[in-house]
Amino acid sequence: MADTAGDAGRPLFPAAGVDALPPPAIARRAEDVGVAKAGLPFPTLFALAVLAGAFIAMGAVFATTVTAGAGELAFGVVRLLAGLTFSLGLVLVVLAGAELFTGNNLVVMAWASRRVATTRLLWTWTVVYAGNFVGALATALAMYVSRQYRFGGGAVGEQAVAIATAKVELGFVEAVVLGAFCNALVCLAIWLTYGGRTTADKILAIVFPIAAFVAAGFEHSVANMYFVPEGILVKGDEAWAAGAGLPDGVGDLTWGSFLVDNLLPVTIGNLIGGTLMVGAVYWFVYLRGDRSG
């Protein structure tokens, strides 16, 4: 028997066959998923958002650790390793179940079809964004308390500070554009998972877009909720920092520069990439004629 989706009763999967969903069916599924996400009660939505922040942070921990001390490798190879390992975060979000602000930008498709009210859309994004921040920051604090950054003779900590410093040194427009392209790829990864049938399908759909955005140096707001606070916390260990090889510009790594110079423009860019470059385009192509109101 074919699976059906919500009140529309439209088949999400054909009754027979093993092929992934075609794009028009993915669009209908994305719309129905958006309705379901926007309808979650606050305690559930917030708890799942905290989990997503922690999951993305664990991908960031993995990427930081693997690329620590890898300076002798070619730049592209190091970035590829960072991307492949960071993909763990979205794999956990999708397969274990969690609510991620950047992926939830696709709820705009249900809003465009008038199945989600504007107030509910904004409320959902706000709750998820806040929960993601709590989960990512809690993970950064836990990693700091664990002194994991001292592993590899301090190479992990040096890499954490270097990553964070580079992020706060981005120009505002630069960060917006990098954020837009980042979330275009993240939302395309989510889009592709809606078409998959198996765990392997979904993992393969996630890895390449996520590895691409990390390798290219694009900016993800939720990842930065871990990367930059972790760098700030680690550089604050004065006894460790005195003997570490910290990058030039580390003095600019502050909570103020994190919030204003990085998180704000990257979040704006992520919204542009997810809602306009992916969600609005696919809604226009596949869904604009589905409903009269």
Protein backbone atom coordinates (compact mmCIF):
# COMPACT_ATOMS: atom_id res chain seq x y z
CA MET A 1 0.00 0.00 0.00
CA ALA A 2 1.28 3.44 -0.86
CA ASP A 3 2.04 5.89 1.95
CA THR A 4 -0.15 9.00 1.98
CA ALA A 5 0.59 12.48 3.24
CA GLY A 6 -1.71 14.29 5.65
CA ASP A 7 -5.00 15.88 4.73
CA ALA A 8 -4.21 16.04 1.05
CA GLY A 9 -4.21 12.26 0.74
CA ARG A 10 -1.66 12.44 -2.05
CA PRO A 11 0.63 9.44 -2.52
CA LEU A 12 4.16 10.13 -1.39
CA PHE A 13 5.53 6.89 -2.76
CA PRO A 14 4.30 4.89 -5.73
CA ALA A 15 2.62 1.61 -4.83
CA ALA A 16 5.38 -0.36 -6.48
CA GLY A 17 8.98 0.14 -7.50
CA VAL A 18 12.16 1.08 -5.73
CA ASP A 19 13.07 4.35 -7.41
CA ALA A 20 13.51 7.52 -5.41
CA LEU A 21 10.71 10.07 -5.61
CA PRO A 22 10.79 12.39 -8.64
CA PRO A 23 11.08 16.14 -8.01
CA PRO A 24 7.32 16.95 -8.26
CA ALA A 25 6.58 14.35 -5.57
CA ILE A 26 9.46 15.64 -3.45
CA ALA A 27 7.91 19.11 -3.62
CA ARG A 28 4.56 17.82 -2.37
CA ARG A 29 6.28 15.92 0.39
CA ALA A 30 8.30 19.00 1.40
CA GLU A 31 5.05 20.97 1.66
CA ASP A 32 3.40 18.31 3.83
CA VAL A 33 6.48 18.00 6.04
CA GLY A 34 6.44 21.78 6.47
CA VAL A 35 2.85 21.66 7.70
CA ALA A 36 3.77 18.94 10.20
CA LYS A 37 6.82 20.83 11.48
CA ALA A 38 4.87 24.06 11.96
CA GLY A 39 2.23 22.14 13.88
CA LEU A 40 4.55 20.71 16.53
CA PRO A 41 3.84 21.84 20.11
CA PHE A 42 6.43 24.08 21.74
CA PRO A 43 8.00 21.51 24.13
CA THR A 44 8.52 19.01 21.31
CA LEU A 45 9.76 21.58 18.81
CA PHE A 46 12.20 23.17 21.25
CA ALA A 47 13.57 19.84 22.49
CA LEU A 48 14.14 18.64 18.92
CA ALA A 49 15.82 21.96 18.11
CA VAL A 50 18.21 21.61 21.05
CA LEU A 51 19.09 18.15 19.76
CA ALA A 52 19.76 19.53 16.28
CA GLY A 53 22.09 22.18 17.67
CA ALA A 54 23.99 19.49 19.56
CA PHE A 55 24.09 17.19 16.52
CA ILE A 56 25.50 19.91 14.26
CA ALA A 57 28.01 20.76 16.99
CA MET A 58 29.15 17.14 17.11
CA GLY A 59 29.80 17.29 13.39
CA ALA A 60 31.82 20.44 14.05
CA VAL A 61 33.78 18.69 16.81
CA PHE A 62 34.53 15.84 14.40
CA ALA A 63 35.67 18.20 11.65
CA THR A 64 37.83 20.29 13.98
CA THR A 65 39.54 17.23 15.43
CA VAL A 66 40.22 15.55 12.08
CA THR A 67 41.69 18.68 10.49
CA ALA A 68 43.79 19.69 13.51
CA GLY A 69 47.49 19.67 12.67
CA ALA A 70 46.78 18.90 9.01
CA GLY A 71 48.61 21.93 7.68
CA GLU A 72 51.06 19.80 5.72
CA LEU A 73 48.21 18.57 3.52
CA ALA A 74 46.97 20.48 0.48
CA PHE A 75 44.31 23.09 1.25
CA GLY A 76 41.64 21.34 -0.80
CA VAL A 77 42.29 17.99 0.84
CA VAL A 78 41.95 19.48 4.32
CA ARG A 79 38.69 21.21 3.35
CA LEU A 80 37.34 17.98 1.87
CA LEU A 81 38.14 16.11 5.08
CA ALA A 82 36.39 18.82 7.05
CA GLY A 83 33.32 18.57 4.85
CA LEU A 84 33.06 14.79 4.94
CA THR A 85 33.36 14.67 8.70
CA PHE A 86 31.04 17.63 9.31
CA SER A 87 28.34 15.79 7.35
CA LEU A 88 27.80 13.72 10.49
CA GLY A 89 25.76 16.59 11.91
CA LEU A 90 23.03 16.61 9.26
CA VAL A 91 23.02 12.82 9.08
CA LEU A 92 22.12 12.78 12.78
CA VAL A 93 19.52 15.52 12.35
CA VAL A 94 17.73 13.72 9.54
CA LEU A 95 18.02 10.10 10.63
CA ALA A 96 17.84 10.45 14.41
CA GLY A 97 15.18 13.15 14.20
CA ALA A 98 15.71 16.81 15.11
CA GLU A 99 14.66 20.30 14.02
CA LEU A 100 17.30 22.45 12.33
CA PHE A 101 16.71 26.12 11.55
CA THR A 102 18.46 26.06 8.20
CA GLY A 103 16.64 22.97 6.96
CA ASN A 104 13.36 24.33 8.34
CA ASN A 105 13.62 27.24 5.94
CA LEU A 106 11.84 24.86 3.53
CA VAL A 107 8.67 25.32 5.60
CA VAL A 108 8.29 28.41 3.40
CA MET A 109 6.87 26.07 0.75
CA ALA A 110 3.90 25.22 2.97
CA TRP A 111 3.53 28.93 3.80
CA ALA A 112 3.50 29.84 0.10
CA SER A 113 0.69 27.31 -0.41
CA ARG A 114 -1.24 28.99 2.44
CA ARG A 115 -1.13 25.87 4.58
CA VAL A 116 0.96 27.59 7.29
CA ALA A 117 0.19 31.07 8.60
CA THR A 118 2.88 33.75 8.58
CA THR A 119 2.82 34.03 12.37
CA ARG A 120 3.22 30.26 12.72
CA LEU A 121 6.09 30.21 10.24
CA LEU A 122 7.98 32.94 12.11
CA TRP A 123 7.19 31.37 15.49
CA THR A 124 8.52 28.00 14.30
CA TRP A 125 11.73 29.51 12.98
CA THR A 126 12.25 31.51 16.17
CA VAL A 127 11.77 28.52 18.48
CA VAL A 128 14.01 26.30 16.38
CA TYR A 129 16.73 28.96 16.08
CA ALA A 130 16.74 29.47 19.85
CA GLY A 131 16.81 25.74 20.52
CA ASN A 132 19.66 25.24 18.04
CA PHE A 133 21.64 27.96 19.84
CA VAL A 134 21.10 26.28 23.22
CA GLY A 135 22.17 22.87 21.91
CA ALA A 136 25.25 24.14 20.09
CA LEU A 137 26.39 26.39 22.93
CA ALA A 138 25.86 23.65 25.52
CA THR A 139 28.04 21.34 23.42
CA ALA A 140 30.75 24.02 23.17
CA LEU A 141 30.70 24.43 26.95
CA ALA A 142 30.89 20.67 27.45
CA MET A 143 33.86 20.34 25.07
CA TYR A 144 35.61 23.19 26.88
CA VAL A 145 35.04 21.63 30.31
CA SER A 146 36.29 18.28 28.99
CA ARG A 147 39.55 19.96 27.81
CA GLN A 148 39.17 18.05 24.55
CA TYR A 149 40.87 21.01 22.86
CA ARG A 150 44.17 20.00 24.48
CA PHE A 151 44.27 16.75 22.50
CA GLY A 152 47.01 16.35 19.93
CA GLY A 153 49.38 18.46 21.97
CA GLY A 154 46.93 21.34 21.77
CA ALA A 155 46.48 21.08 18.00
CA VAL A 156 42.71 20.68 18.37
CA GLY A 157 42.47 23.89 20.37
CA GLU A 158 44.65 25.79 17.93
CA GLN A 159 42.42 24.66 15.09
CA ALA A 160 39.28 25.65 17.01
CA VAL A 161 40.63 29.16 17.59
CA ALA A 162 41.83 29.49 13.99
CA ILE A 163 38.40 28.51 12.63
CA ALA A 164 36.58 30.92 14.93
CA THR A 165 38.96 33.81 14.20
CA ALA A 166 38.58 33.39 10.44
CA LYS A 167 34.79 33.50 10.77
CA VAL A 168 34.61 36.78 12.69
CA GLU A 169 37.01 38.43 10.24
CA LEU A 170 34.58 38.05 7.31
CA GLY A 171 33.03 41.21 5.91
CA PHE A 172 29.27 41.65 6.36
CA VAL A 173 28.32 41.25 2.69
CA GLU A 174 30.84 38.44 2.30
CA ALA A 175 29.24 36.57 5.20
CA VAL A 176 25.74 37.08 3.78
CA VAL A 177 26.71 35.65 0.39
CA LEU A 178 28.61 32.72 1.90
CA GLY A 179 25.61 32.04 4.13
CA ALA A 180 23.21 32.08 1.18
CA PHE A 181 25.16 29.52 -0.82
CA CYS A 182 25.65 27.40 2.28
CA ASN A 183 21.96 27.04 2.98
CA ALA A 184 21.11 26.51 -0.66
CA LEU A 185 23.23 23.36 -0.43
CA VAL A 186 21.87 22.38 3.00
CA CYS A 187 18.28 22.71 1.80
CA LEU A 188 19.11 20.81 -1.38
CA ALA A 189 20.48 18.03 0.83
CA ILE A 190 17.23 17.99 2.82
CA TRP A 191 15.27 18.12 -0.44
CA LEU A 192 17.11 15.07 -1.73
CA THR A 193 16.47 13.12 1.48
CA TYR A 194 12.72 13.62 0.99
CA GLY A 195 13.07 11.57 -2.18
CA GLY A 196 15.01 8.71 -0.59
CA ARG A 197 13.52 5.45 0.60
CA THR A 198 16.33 3.96 2.70
CA THR A 199 18.87 5.04 5.30
CA ALA A 200 21.64 4.64 2.73
CA ASP A 201 19.73 6.84 0.26
CA LYS A 202 19.46 9.62 2.80
CA ILE A 203 23.09 9.47 3.92
CA LEU A 204 24.33 9.62 0.33
CA ALA A 205 21.99 12.53 -0.38
CA ILE A 206 23.42 14.45 2.57
CA VAL A 207 27.15 13.87 2.31
CA PHE A 208 27.98 15.48 -1.03
CA PRO A 209 26.09 18.80 -0.65
CA ILE A 210 27.32 19.23 2.93
CA ALA A 211 30.90 18.31 2.07
CA ALA A 212 30.70 20.80 -0.80
CA PHE A 213 29.57 23.73 1.33
CA VAL A 214 32.22 23.12 3.98
CA ALA A 215 35.00 22.58 1.44
CA ALA A 216 34.02 25.79 -0.36
CA GLY A 217 34.13 27.80 2.87
CA PHE A 218 30.42 28.67 3.00
CA GLU A 219 28.89 29.78 6.31
CA HIS A 220 26.27 27.92 8.39
CA SER A 221 24.64 29.82 11.27
CA VAL A 222 24.01 26.82 13.51
CA ALA A 223 27.49 25.40 12.97
CA ASN A 224 28.88 28.81 13.89
CA MET A 225 26.89 28.69 17.13
CA TYR A 226 29.43 26.00 18.07
CA PHE A 227 32.57 26.98 16.16
CA VAL A 228 32.87 30.58 17.33
CA PRO A 229 31.90 30.14 21.02
CA GLU A 230 34.27 27.19 21.24
CA GLY A 231 37.09 29.32 19.89
CA ILE A 232 36.26 32.12 22.35
CA LEU A 233 36.17 29.71 25.28
CA VAL A 234 39.40 27.98 24.31
CA LYS A 235 41.37 31.19 23.85
CA GLY A 236 40.16 32.19 27.31
CA ASP A 237 42.26 29.41 28.87
CA GLU A 238 45.20 31.73 29.43
CA ALA A 239 47.54 29.04 30.75
CA TRP A 240 47.03 26.98 27.60
CA ALA A 241 46.92 29.95 25.20
CA ALA A 242 50.29 31.25 26.46
CA GLY A 243 52.04 28.27 24.89
CA ALA A 244 49.78 27.78 21.88
CA GLY A 245 50.29 28.93 18.32
CA LEU A 246 47.27 31.19 17.97
CA PRO A 247 46.52 33.03 14.70
CA ASP A 248 46.93 36.73 14.03
CA GLY A 249 43.70 38.60 14.70
CA VAL A 250 42.72 36.45 17.66
CA GLY A 251 42.15 39.65 19.63
CA ASP A 252 39.10 40.30 17.42
CA LEU A 253 37.52 37.05 18.57
CA THR A 254 34.89 38.28 21.04
CA TRP A 255 31.23 37.62 21.82
CA GLY A 256 30.34 40.93 20.20
CA SER A 257 32.16 40.13 16.96
CA PHE A 258 30.54 36.69 16.94
CA LEU A 259 26.98 38.02 17.22
CA VAL A 260 27.30 41.12 15.02
CA ASP A 261 30.04 40.33 12.50
CA ASN A 262 29.26 36.66 11.92
CA LEU A 263 26.01 35.25 13.26
CA LEU A 264 23.78 38.11 12.09
CA PRO A 265 24.93 38.28 8.44
CA VAL A 266 25.27 34.50 8.14
CA THR A 267 21.72 34.02 9.41
CA ILE A 268 20.45 36.54 6.87
CA GLY A 269 22.33 34.70 4.15
CA ASN A 270 21.02 31.33 5.29
CA LEU A 271 17.45 32.66 5.09
CA ILE A 272 18.05 33.91 1.55
CA GLY A 273 19.58 30.63 0.44
CA GLY A 274 16.98 28.37 2.02
CA THR A 275 13.77 30.31 1.44
CA LEU A 276 14.46 32.00 -1.90
CA MET A 277 17.14 30.01 -3.71
CA VAL A 278 15.57 26.63 -2.94
CA GLY A 279 12.15 26.76 -1.28
CA ALA A 280 10.58 29.56 -3.35
CA VAL A 281 12.05 28.30 -6.61
CA TYR A 282 10.76 24.74 -6.18
CA TRP A 283 7.39 25.98 -4.95
CA PHE A 284 7.09 28.12 -8.09
CA VAL A 285 8.08 25.26 -10.37
CA TYR A 286 6.00 22.45 -8.87
CA LEU A 287 3.37 23.74 -6.43
CA ARG A 288 2.12 27.18 -7.43
CA GLY A 289 -0.88 25.78 -9.30
CA ASP A 290 -1.83 23.11 -6.75
CA ARG A 291 -4.13 25.26 -4.61
CA SER A 292 -6.43 28.14 -5.33
CA GLY A 293 -6.32 29.45 -1.73
